[in-house]
Each structure stands twice: as structure tokens, then as C-alpha cells.
Amino acid sequence: MTTASTSVLTQSLLDRCRERAPGYDRDNRFCQEDFDELKAAGYLLMAVPKEFGGLGFSLAAGAEHDPVHLHVARLREQPEDCPSAPNLDIV
């Protein structure tokens, strides 16, 4: 199995997700817009082998680009952006 090495997560896609994140946290709602954009960008196919129609990333490479991981990392850096951050055991 071959693996890919570039990400489908462009800086502009990540920036849009970051811009919407405080609203999701404030309103306690699912990030549907982010999910739709991630799906359209091929994120859900990252760890699927190429021979099955995916992008062929290894699981380790895909985990480096996980939006939840990126969001939690951002909350650690800027907890003031999330009203619920003080109640989370991540900051």
C-alpha cells in the first residue's frame, strides 16, 4: 500500500474553521459547516487506501491533521476564545 504525504487541509479551510469555532463553542452546536467543508476537501478519505478510492494517508499522518486535535491545541494556546474552556480538562 502506498501512502500520501500532503494534506487536504489548506490554510484557507483551516482559517474558516477557526473563524467559526468560537460560535460553535458559544452556541454549543455541532460544527456542520466545518464537517461539510472537510468532507468536500476529501478529509474523510485521507486514511482510506488508494486502492479503495481514498487518499492513502497512514493513520499517523492523518492524525496530525485531525481538526479536533487542532481545535484543542488552539484552546490550549488561546482559552479566552472558548467560553467553556475553563470547564474543560484540556487547558
PDB file of N, CA and C in Angstrom:
ATOM      1  N   MET A   1       0.844  -1.184   0.000  1.00  0.00           N
ATOM      2  CA  MET A   1       0.000   0.000   0.000  1.00  0.00           C
ATOM      3  C   MET A   1       0.888   1.246   0.000  1.00  0.00           C
ATOM      4  N   THR A   2       0.596   2.168  -0.881  1.00  0.00           N
ATOM      5  CA  THR A   2       1.327   3.434  -0.905  1.00  0.00           C
ATOM      6  C   THR A   2       0.611   4.440  -0.025  1.00  0.00           C
ATOM      7  N   THR A   3       1.374   5.383   0.488  1.00  0.00           N
ATOM      8  CA  THR A   3       0.767   6.400   1.342  1.00  0.00           C
ATOM      9  C   THR A   3       1.046   7.782   0.789  1.00  0.00           C
ATOM     10  N   ALA A   4       0.120   8.693   1.058  1.00  0.00           N
ATOM     11  CA  ALA A   4       0.250  10.080   0.613  1.00  0.00           C
ATOM     12  C   ALA A   4       0.994  10.873   1.681  1.00  0.00           C
ATOM     13  N   SER A   5       1.487  12.042   1.292  1.00  0.00           N
ATOM     14  CA  SER A   5       2.243  12.831   2.262  1.00  0.00           C
ATOM     15  C   SER A   5       1.824  14.295   2.317  1.00  0.00           C
ATOM     16  N   THR A   6       0.853  14.708   1.530  1.00  0.00           N
ATOM     17  CA  THR A   6       0.397  16.091   1.605  1.00  0.00           C
ATOM     18  C   THR A   6      -1.004  16.120   2.198  1.00  0.00           C
ATOM     19  N   SER A   7      -1.397  17.247   2.717  1.00  0.00           N
ATOM     20  CA  SER A   7      -2.683  17.358   3.392  1.00  0.00           C
ATOM     21  C   SER A   7      -3.746  17.965   2.493  1.00  0.00           C
ATOM     22  N   VAL A   8      -4.989  17.587   2.745  1.00  0.00           N
ATOM     23  CA  VAL A   8      -6.125  18.207   2.059  1.00  0.00           C
ATOM     24  C   VAL A   8      -6.591  19.436   2.834  1.00  0.00           C
ATOM     25  N   LEU A   9      -6.004  19.649   3.995  1.00  0.00           N
ATOM     26  CA  LEU A   9      -6.405  20.767   4.844  1.00  0.00           C
ATOM     27  C   LEU A   9      -5.595  22.002   4.477  1.00  0.00           C
ATOM     28  N   THR A  10      -6.165  22.808   3.617  1.00  0.00           N
ATOM     29  CA  THR A  10      -5.500  24.034   3.197  1.00  0.00           C
ATOM     30  C   THR A  10      -5.561  25.075   4.306  1.00  0.00           C
ATOM     31  N   GLN A  11      -4.691  26.044   4.229  1.00  0.00           N
ATOM     32  CA  GLN A  11      -4.697  27.110   5.225  1.00  0.00           C
ATOM     33  C   GLN A  11      -6.027  27.861   5.217  1.00  0.00           C
ATOM     34  N   SER A  12      -6.595  28.085   4.039  1.00  0.00           N
ATOM     35  CA  SER A  12      -7.868  28.819   3.988  1.00  0.00           C
ATOM     36  C   SER A  12      -9.003  28.010   4.613  1.00  0.00           C
ATOM     37  N   LEU A  13      -9.001  26.688   4.422  1.00  0.00           N
ATOM     38  CA  LEU A  13     -10.026  25.861   5.055  1.00  0.00           C
ATOM     39  C   LEU A  13      -9.865  25.903   6.571  1.00  0.00           C
ATOM     40  N   LEU A  14      -8.640  25.764   7.048  1.00  0.00           N
ATOM     41  CA  LEU A  14      -8.400  25.825   8.489  1.00  0.00           C
ATOM     42  C   LEU A  14      -8.763  27.184   9.063  1.00  0.00           C
ATOM     43  N   ASP A  15      -8.472  28.245   8.342  1.00  0.00           N
ATOM     44  CA  ASP A  15      -8.826  29.585   8.806  1.00  0.00           C
ATOM     45  C   ASP A  15     -10.335  29.741   8.937  1.00  0.00           C
ATOM     46  N   ARG A  16     -11.092  29.229   7.957  1.00  0.00           N
ATOM     47  CA  ARG A  16     -12.556  29.307   8.038  1.00  0.00           C
ATOM     48  C   ARG A  16     -13.078  28.515   9.240  1.00  0.00           C
ATOM     49  N   CYS A  17     -12.501  27.342   9.475  1.00  0.00           N
ATOM     50  CA  CYS A  17     -12.904  26.542  10.631  1.00  0.00           C
ATOM     51  C   CYS A  17     -12.592  27.281  11.931  1.00  0.00           C
ATOM     52  N   ARG A  18     -11.427  27.895  11.993  1.00  0.00           N
ATOM     53  CA  ARG A  18     -11.046  28.648  13.198  1.00  0.00           C
ATOM     54  C   ARG A  18     -11.978  29.837  13.433  1.00  0.00           C
ATOM     55  N   GLU A  19     -12.384  30.488  12.367  1.00  0.00           N
ATOM     56  CA  GLU A  19     -13.282  31.635  12.496  1.00  0.00           C
ATOM     57  C   GLU A  19     -14.641  31.213  13.047  1.00  0.00           C
ATOM     58  N   ARG A  20     -15.104  30.038  12.667  1.00  0.00           N
ATOM     59  CA  ARG A  20     -16.421  29.577  13.123  1.00  0.00           C
ATOM     60  C   ARG A  20     -16.385  28.950  14.511  1.00  0.00           C
ATOM     61  N   ALA A  21     -15.224  28.478  14.958  1.00  0.00           N
ATOM     62  CA  ALA A  21     -15.123  27.732  16.213  1.00  0.00           C
ATOM     63  C   ALA A  21     -15.700  28.462  17.428  1.00  0.00           C
ATOM     64  N   PRO A  22     -15.412  29.742  17.634  1.00  0.00           N
ATOM     65  CA  PRO A  22     -15.985  30.396  18.816  1.00  0.00           C
ATOM     66  C   PRO A  22     -17.518  30.386  18.816  1.00  0.00           C
ATOM     67  N   GLY A  23     -18.124  30.497  17.645  1.00  0.00           N
ATOM     68  CA  GLY A  23     -19.586  30.447  17.573  1.00  0.00           C
ATOM     69  C   GLY A  23     -20.131  29.074  17.932  1.00  0.00           C
ATOM     70  N   TYR A  24     -19.452  28.013  17.471  1.00  0.00           N
ATOM     71  CA  TYR A  24     -19.874  26.652  17.848  1.00  0.00           C
ATOM     72  C   TYR A  24     -19.775  26.465  19.349  1.00  0.00           C
ATOM     73  N   ASP A  25     -18.669  26.932  19.923  1.00  0.00           N
ATOM     74  CA  ASP A  25     -18.491  26.792  21.368  1.00  0.00           C
ATOM     75  C   ASP A  25     -19.517  27.617  22.131  1.00  0.00           C
ATOM     76  N   ARG A  26     -19.707  28.849  21.710  1.00  0.00           N
ATOM     77  CA  ARG A  26     -20.645  29.745  22.394  1.00  0.00           C
ATOM     78  C   ARG A  26     -22.065  29.205  22.342  1.00  0.00           C
ATOM     79  N   ASP A  27     -22.465  28.706  21.148  1.00  0.00           N
ATOM     80  CA  ASP A  27     -23.835  28.249  20.941  1.00  0.00           C
ATOM     81  C   ASP A  27     -24.024  26.762  21.246  1.00  0.00           C
ATOM     82  N   ASN A  28     -22.933  26.082  21.614  1.00  0.00           N
ATOM     83  CA  ASN A  28     -22.975  24.654  21.924  1.00  0.00           C
ATOM     84  C   ASN A  28     -23.664  23.863  20.814  1.00  0.00           C
ATOM     85  N   ARG A  29     -23.177  24.072  19.573  1.00  0.00           N
ATOM     86  CA  ARG A  29     -23.775  23.367  18.441  1.00  0.00           C
ATOM     87  C   ARG A  29     -22.724  22.642  17.627  1.00  0.00           C
ATOM     88  N   PHE A  30     -23.179  21.650  16.878  1.00  0.00           N
ATOM     89  CA  PHE A  30     -22.296  20.836  16.059  1.00  0.00           C
ATOM     90  C   PHE A  30     -21.714  21.672  14.927  1.00  0.00           C
ATOM     91  N   CYS A  31     -20.492  21.397  14.576  1.00  0.00           N
ATOM     92  CA  CYS A  31     -19.775  22.157  13.547  1.00  0.00           C
ATOM     93  C   CYS A  31     -20.103  21.635  12.141  1.00  0.00           C
ATOM     94  N   GLN A  32     -21.360  21.698  11.760  1.00  0.00           N
ATOM     95  CA  GLN A  32     -21.802  21.129  10.484  1.00  0.00           C
ATOM     96  C   GLN A  32     -21.113  21.765   9.285  1.00  0.00           C
ATOM     97  N   GLU A  33     -20.945  23.085   9.303  1.00  0.00           N
ATOM     98  CA  GLU A  33     -20.286  23.752   8.184  1.00  0.00           C
ATOM     99  C   GLU A  33     -18.851  23.253   8.015  1.00  0.00           C
ATOM    100  N   ASP A  34     -18.153  23.097   9.143  1.00  0.00           N
ATOM    101  CA  ASP A  34     -16.788  22.573   9.088  1.00  0.00           C
ATOM    102  C   ASP A  34     -16.789  21.149   8.533  1.00  0.00           C
ATOM    103  N   PHE A  35     -17.688  20.321   9.041  1.00  0.00           N
ATOM    104  CA  PHE A  35     -17.773  18.932   8.590  1.00  0.00           C
ATOM    105  C   PHE A  35     -18.028  18.864   7.086  1.00  0.00           C
ATOM    106  N   ASP A  36     -18.959  19.690   6.604  1.00  0.00           N
ATOM    107  CA  ASP A  36     -19.264  19.701   5.166  1.00  0.00           C
ATOM    108  C   ASP A  36     -18.046  20.103   4.339  1.00  0.00           C
ATOM    109  N   GLU A  37     -17.307  21.105   4.804  1.00  0.00           N
ATOM    110  CA  GLU A  37     -16.106  21.535   4.072  1.00  0.00           C
ATOM    111  C   GLU A  37     -15.012  20.474   4.114  1.00  0.00           C
ATOM    112  N   LEU A  38     -14.844  19.840   5.275  1.00  0.00           N
ATOM    113  CA  LEU A  38     -13.841  18.778   5.394  1.00  0.00           C
ATOM    114  C   LEU A  38     -14.179  17.608   4.473  1.00  0.00           C
ATOM    115  N   LYS A  39     -15.446  17.259   4.413  1.00  0.00           N
ATOM    116  CA  LYS A  39     -15.878  16.172   3.528  1.00  0.00           C
ATOM    117  C   LYS A  39     -15.614  16.534   2.071  1.00  0.00           C
ATOM    118  N   ALA A  40     -15.977  17.746   1.674  1.00  0.00           N
ATOM    119  CA  ALA A  40     -15.777  18.184   0.294  1.00  0.00           C
ATOM    120  C   ALA A  40     -14.293  18.231  -0.080  1.00  0.00           C
ATOM    121  N   ALA A  41     -13.428  18.522   0.896  1.00  0.00           N
ATOM    122  CA  ALA A  41     -11.992  18.604   0.641  1.00  0.00           C
ATOM    123  C   ALA A  41     -11.342  17.222   0.559  1.00  0.00           C
ATOM    124  N   GLY A  42     -12.073  16.176   0.936  1.00  0.00           N
ATOM    125  CA  GLY A  42     -11.528  14.829   0.893  1.00  0.00           C
ATOM    126  C   GLY A  42     -10.946  14.352   2.205  1.00  0.00           C
ATOM    127  N   TYR A  43     -11.174  15.104   3.280  1.00  0.00           N
ATOM    128  CA  TYR A  43     -10.614  14.733   4.581  1.00  0.00           C
ATOM    129  C   TYR A  43     -11.054  13.340   5.022  1.00  0.00           C
ATOM    130  N   LEU A  44     -12.303  12.989   4.770  1.00  0.00           N
ATOM    131  CA  LEU A  44     -12.808  11.686   5.218  1.00  0.00           C
ATOM    132  C   LEU A  44     -12.164  10.530   4.465  1.00  0.00           C
ATOM    133  N   LEU A  45     -11.489  10.831   3.367  1.00  0.00           N
ATOM    134  CA  LEU A  45     -10.830   9.794   2.565  1.00  0.00           C
ATOM    135  C   LEU A  45      -9.331   9.713   2.836  1.00  0.00           C
ATOM    136  N   MET A  46      -8.830  10.525   3.737  1.00  0.00           N
ATOM    137  CA  MET A  46      -7.383  10.590   3.934  1.00  0.00           C
ATOM    138  C   MET A  46      -6.774   9.239   4.288  1.00  0.00           C
ATOM    139  N   ALA A  47      -7.337   8.505   5.226  1.00  0.00           N
ATOM    140  CA  ALA A  47      -6.734   7.255   5.691  1.00  0.00           C
ATOM    141  C   ALA A  47      -7.250   6.026   4.946  1.00  0.00           C
ATOM    142  N   VAL A  48      -8.086   6.225   3.947  1.00  0.00           N
ATOM    143  CA  VAL A  48      -8.566   5.105   3.136  1.00  0.00           C
ATOM    144  C   VAL A  48      -7.490   4.794   2.095  1.00  0.00           C
ATOM    145  N   PRO A  49      -7.105   3.525   1.955  1.00  0.00           N
ATOM    146  CA  PRO A  49      -6.078   3.180   0.957  1.00  0.00           C
ATOM    147  C   PRO A  49      -6.479   3.620  -0.453  1.00  0.00           C
ATOM    148  N   LYS A  50      -5.476   3.993  -1.242  1.00  0.00           N
ATOM    149  CA  LYS A  50      -5.727   4.454  -2.613  1.00  0.00           C
ATOM    150  C   LYS A  50      -6.458   3.403  -3.436  1.00  0.00           C
ATOM    151  N   GLU A  51      -6.117   2.132  -3.213  1.00  0.00           N
ATOM    152  CA  GLU A  51      -6.759   1.080  -3.998  1.00  0.00           C
ATOM    153  C   GLU A  51      -8.250   0.936  -3.698  1.00  0.00           C
ATOM    154  N   PHE A  52      -8.729   1.596  -2.644  1.00  0.00           N
ATOM    155  CA  PHE A  52     -10.155   1.597  -2.316  1.00  0.00           C
ATOM    156  C   PHE A  52     -10.786   2.973  -2.532  1.00  0.00           C
ATOM    157  N   GLY A  53     -10.104   3.831  -3.279  1.00  0.00           N
ATOM    158  CA  GLY A  53     -10.659   5.133  -3.616  1.00  0.00           C
ATOM    159  C   GLY A  53     -10.302   6.258  -2.668  1.00  0.00           C
ATOM    160  N   GLY A  54      -9.438   5.982  -1.711  1.00  0.00           N
ATOM    161  CA  GLY A  54      -9.054   7.006  -0.750  1.00  0.00           C
ATOM    162  C   GLY A  54      -7.790   7.736  -1.160  1.00  0.00           C
ATOM    163  N   LEU A  55      -7.243   8.489  -0.213  1.00  0.00           N
ATOM    164  CA  LEU A  55      -6.051   9.281  -0.467  1.00  0.00           C
ATOM    165  C   LEU A  55      -4.776   8.583  -0.014  1.00  0.00           C
ATOM    166  N   GLY A  56      -4.904   7.497   0.747  1.00  0.00           N
ATOM    167  CA  GLY A  56      -3.756   6.685   1.095  1.00  0.00           C
ATOM    168  C   GLY A  56      -2.845   7.205   2.185  1.00  0.00           C
ATOM    169  N   PHE A  57      -3.330   8.082   3.049  1.00  0.00           N
ATOM    170  CA  PHE A  57      -2.511   8.539   4.170  1.00  0.00           C
ATOM    171  C   PHE A  57      -2.378   7.411   5.186  1.00  0.00           C
ATOM    172  N   SER A  58      -1.276   7.384   5.895  1.00  0.00           N
ATOM    173  CA  SER A  58      -1.174   6.476   7.034  1.00  0.00           C
ATOM    174  C   SER A  58      -2.043   7.054   8.153  1.00  0.00           C
ATOM    175  N   LEU A  59      -2.421   6.227   9.108  1.00  0.00           N
ATOM    176  CA  LEU A  59      -3.225   6.738  10.224  1.00  0.00           C
ATOM    177  C   LEU A  59      -2.449   7.784  11.015  1.00  0.00           C
ATOM    178  N   ALA A  60      -1.159   7.580  11.167  1.00  0.00           N
ATOM    179  CA  ALA A  60      -0.343   8.556  11.904  1.00  0.00           C
ATOM    180  C   ALA A  60      -0.325   9.903  11.190  1.00  0.00           C
ATOM    181  N   ALA A  61      -0.160   9.887   9.864  1.00  0.00           N
ATOM    182  CA  ALA A  61      -0.148  11.138   9.106  1.00  0.00           C
ATOM    183  C   ALA A  61      -1.514  11.817   9.163  1.00  0.00           C
ATOM    184  N   GLY A  62      -2.575  11.044   9.080  1.00  0.00           N
ATOM    185  CA  GLY A  62      -3.917  11.613   9.161  1.00  0.00           C
ATOM    186  C   GLY A  62      -4.202  12.236  10.510  1.00  0.00           C
ATOM    187  N   ALA A  63      -3.691  11.608  11.576  1.00  0.00           N
ATOM    188  CA  ALA A  63      -3.925  12.127  12.922  1.00  0.00           C
ATOM    189  C   ALA A  63      -3.291  13.491  13.121  1.00  0.00           C
ATOM    190  N   GLU A  64      -2.193  13.749  12.437  1.00  0.00           N
ATOM    191  CA  GLU A  64      -1.537  15.057  12.550  1.00  0.00           C
ATOM    192  C   GLU A  64      -2.420  16.176  12.026  1.00  0.00           C
ATOM    193  N   HIS A  65      -3.393  15.840  11.185  1.00  0.00           N
ATOM    194  CA  HIS A  65      -4.251  16.842  10.552  1.00  0.00           C
ATOM    195  C   HIS A  65      -5.687  16.799  11.069  1.00  0.00           C
ATOM    196  N   ASP A  66      -5.889  16.137  12.189  1.00  0.00           N
ATOM    197  CA  ASP A  66      -7.224  15.990  12.758  1.00  0.00           C
ATOM    198  C   ASP A  66      -7.744  17.336  13.266  1.00  0.00           C
ATOM    199  N   PRO A  67      -8.913  17.799  12.753  1.00  0.00           N
ATOM    200  CA  PRO A  67      -9.423  19.110  13.171  1.00  0.00           C
ATOM    201  C   PRO A  67      -9.728  19.207  14.660  1.00  0.00           C
ATOM    202  N   VAL A  68     -10.166  18.118  15.285  1.00  0.00           N
ATOM    203  CA  VAL A  68     -10.440  18.166  16.719  1.00  0.00           C
ATOM    204  C   VAL A  68      -9.127  18.393  17.468  1.00  0.00           C
ATOM    205  N   HIS A  69      -8.096  17.672  17.056  1.00  0.00           N
ATOM    206  CA  HIS A  69      -6.783  17.863  17.664  1.00  0.00           C
ATOM    207  C   HIS A  69      -6.315  19.310  17.488  1.00  0.00           C
ATOM    208  N   LEU A  70      -6.494  19.855  16.290  1.00  0.00           N
ATOM    209  CA  LEU A  70      -6.084  21.235  16.023  1.00  0.00           C
ATOM    210  C   LEU A  70      -6.883  22.217  16.866  1.00  0.00           C
ATOM    211  N   HIS A  71      -8.183  21.956  17.056  1.00  0.00           N
ATOM    212  CA  HIS A  71      -9.034  22.846  17.851  1.00  0.00           C
ATOM    213  C   HIS A  71      -8.615  22.818  19.318  1.00  0.00           C
ATOM    214  N   VAL A  72      -8.364  21.619  19.844  1.00  0.00           N
ATOM    215  CA  VAL A  72      -7.934  21.505  21.238  1.00  0.00           C
ATOM    216  C   VAL A  72      -6.591  22.201  21.436  1.00  0.00           C
ATOM    217  N   ALA A  73      -5.687  22.045  20.476  1.00  0.00           N
ATOM    218  CA  ALA A  73      -4.395  22.725  20.573  1.00  0.00           C
ATOM    219  C   ALA A  73      -4.587  24.236  20.606  1.00  0.00           C
ATOM    220  N   ARG A  74      -5.514  24.730  19.799  1.00  0.00           N
ATOM    221  CA  ARG A  74      -5.779  26.174  19.785  1.00  0.00           C
ATOM    222  C   ARG A  74      -6.364  26.631  21.115  1.00  0.00           C
ATOM    223  N   LEU A  75      -7.251  25.829  21.713  1.00  0.00           N
ATOM    224  CA  LEU A  75      -7.831  26.193  23.003  1.00  0.00           C
ATOM    225  C   LEU A  75      -6.764  26.256  24.087  1.00  0.00           C
ATOM    226  N   ARG A  76      -5.779  25.380  23.985  1.00  0.00           N
ATOM    227  CA  ARG A  76      -4.685  25.426  24.966  1.00  0.00           C
ATOM    228  C   ARG A  76      -3.900  26.721  24.829  1.00  0.00           C
ATOM    229  N   GLU A  77      -3.748  27.184  23.594  1.00  0.00           N
ATOM    230  CA  GLU A  77      -2.990  28.406  23.351  1.00  0.00           C
ATOM    231  C   GLU A  77      -3.803  29.661  23.649  1.00  0.00           C
ATOM    232  N   GLN A  78      -5.117  29.627  23.332  1.00  0.00           N
ATOM    233  CA  GLN A  78      -5.976  30.805  23.493  1.00  0.00           C
ATOM    234  C   GLN A  78      -7.298  30.420  24.140  1.00  0.00           C
ATOM    235  N   PRO A  79      -7.305  30.025  25.419  1.00  0.00           N
ATOM    236  CA  PRO A  79      -8.548  29.578  26.050  1.00  0.00           C
ATOM    237  C   PRO A  79      -9.618  30.670  26.126  1.00  0.00           C
ATOM    238  N   GLU A  80      -9.220  31.930  26.028  1.00  0.00           N
ATOM    239  CA  GLU A  80     -10.206  33.010  26.082  1.00  0.00           C
ATOM    240  C   GLU A  80     -11.145  32.989  24.871  1.00  0.00           C
ATOM    241  N   ASP A  81     -10.777  32.269  23.808  1.00  0.00           N
ATOM    242  CA  ASP A  81     -11.624  32.177  22.617  1.00  0.00           C
ATOM    243  C   ASP A  81     -12.806  31.235  22.806  1.00  0.00           C
ATOM    244  N   CYS A  82     -12.803  30.465  23.879  1.00  0.00           N
ATOM    245  CA  CYS A  82     -13.873  29.493  24.110  1.00  0.00           C
ATOM    246  C   CYS A  82     -14.461  29.717  25.491  1.00  0.00           C
ATOM    247  N   PRO A  83     -15.733  30.129  25.551  1.00  0.00           N
ATOM    248  CA  PRO A  83     -16.348  30.385  26.856  1.00  0.00           C
ATOM    249  C   PRO A  83     -16.353  29.167  27.773  1.00  0.00           C
ATOM    250  N   SER A  84     -16.388  27.958  27.200  1.00  0.00           N
ATOM    251  CA  SER A  84     -16.424  26.760  28.043  1.00  0.00           C
ATOM    252  C   SER A  84     -15.057  26.215  28.387  1.00  0.00           C
ATOM    253  N   ALA A  85     -13.988  26.804  27.872  1.00  0.00           N
ATOM    254  CA  ALA A  85     -12.641  26.278  28.093  1.00  0.00           C
ATOM    255  C   ALA A  85     -12.281  26.113  29.571  1.00  0.00           C
ATOM    256  N   PRO A  86     -12.648  27.053  30.455  1.00  0.00           N
ATOM    257  CA  PRO A  86     -12.288  26.842  31.856  1.00  0.00           C
ATOM    258  C   PRO A  86     -12.926  25.594  32.468  1.00  0.00           C
ATOM    259  N   ASN A  87     -14.013  25.116  31.877  1.00  0.00           N
ATOM    260  CA  ASN A  87     -14.697  23.923  32.394  1.00  0.00           C
ATOM    261  C   ASN A  87     -14.144  22.630  31.796  1.00  0.00           C
ATOM    262  N   LEU A  88     -13.253  22.758  30.830  1.00  0.00           N
ATOM    263  CA  LEU A  88     -12.694  21.584  30.162  1.00  0.00           C
ATOM    264  C   LEU A  88     -11.376  21.214  30.821  1.00  0.00           C
ATOM    265  N   ASP A  89     -11.082  19.954  30.805  1.00  0.00           N
ATOM    266  CA  ASP A  89      -9.846  19.478  31.413  1.00  0.00           C
ATOM    267  C   ASP A  89      -8.736  19.398  30.369  1.00  0.00           C
ATOM    268  N   ILE A  90      -8.621  20.456  29.525  1.00  0.00           N
ATOM    269  CA  ILE A  90      -7.608  20.459  28.483  1.00  0.00           C
ATOM    270  C   ILE A  90      -6.732  21.683  28.540  1.00  0.00           C
ATOM    271  N   VAL A  91      -7.094  22.646  29.357  1.00  0.00           N
ATOM    272  CA  VAL A  91      -6.320  23.893  29.387  1.00  0.00           C
ATOM    273  C   VAL A  91      -5.490  23.986  30.661  1.00  0.00           C
TER     274      VAL A  91
END
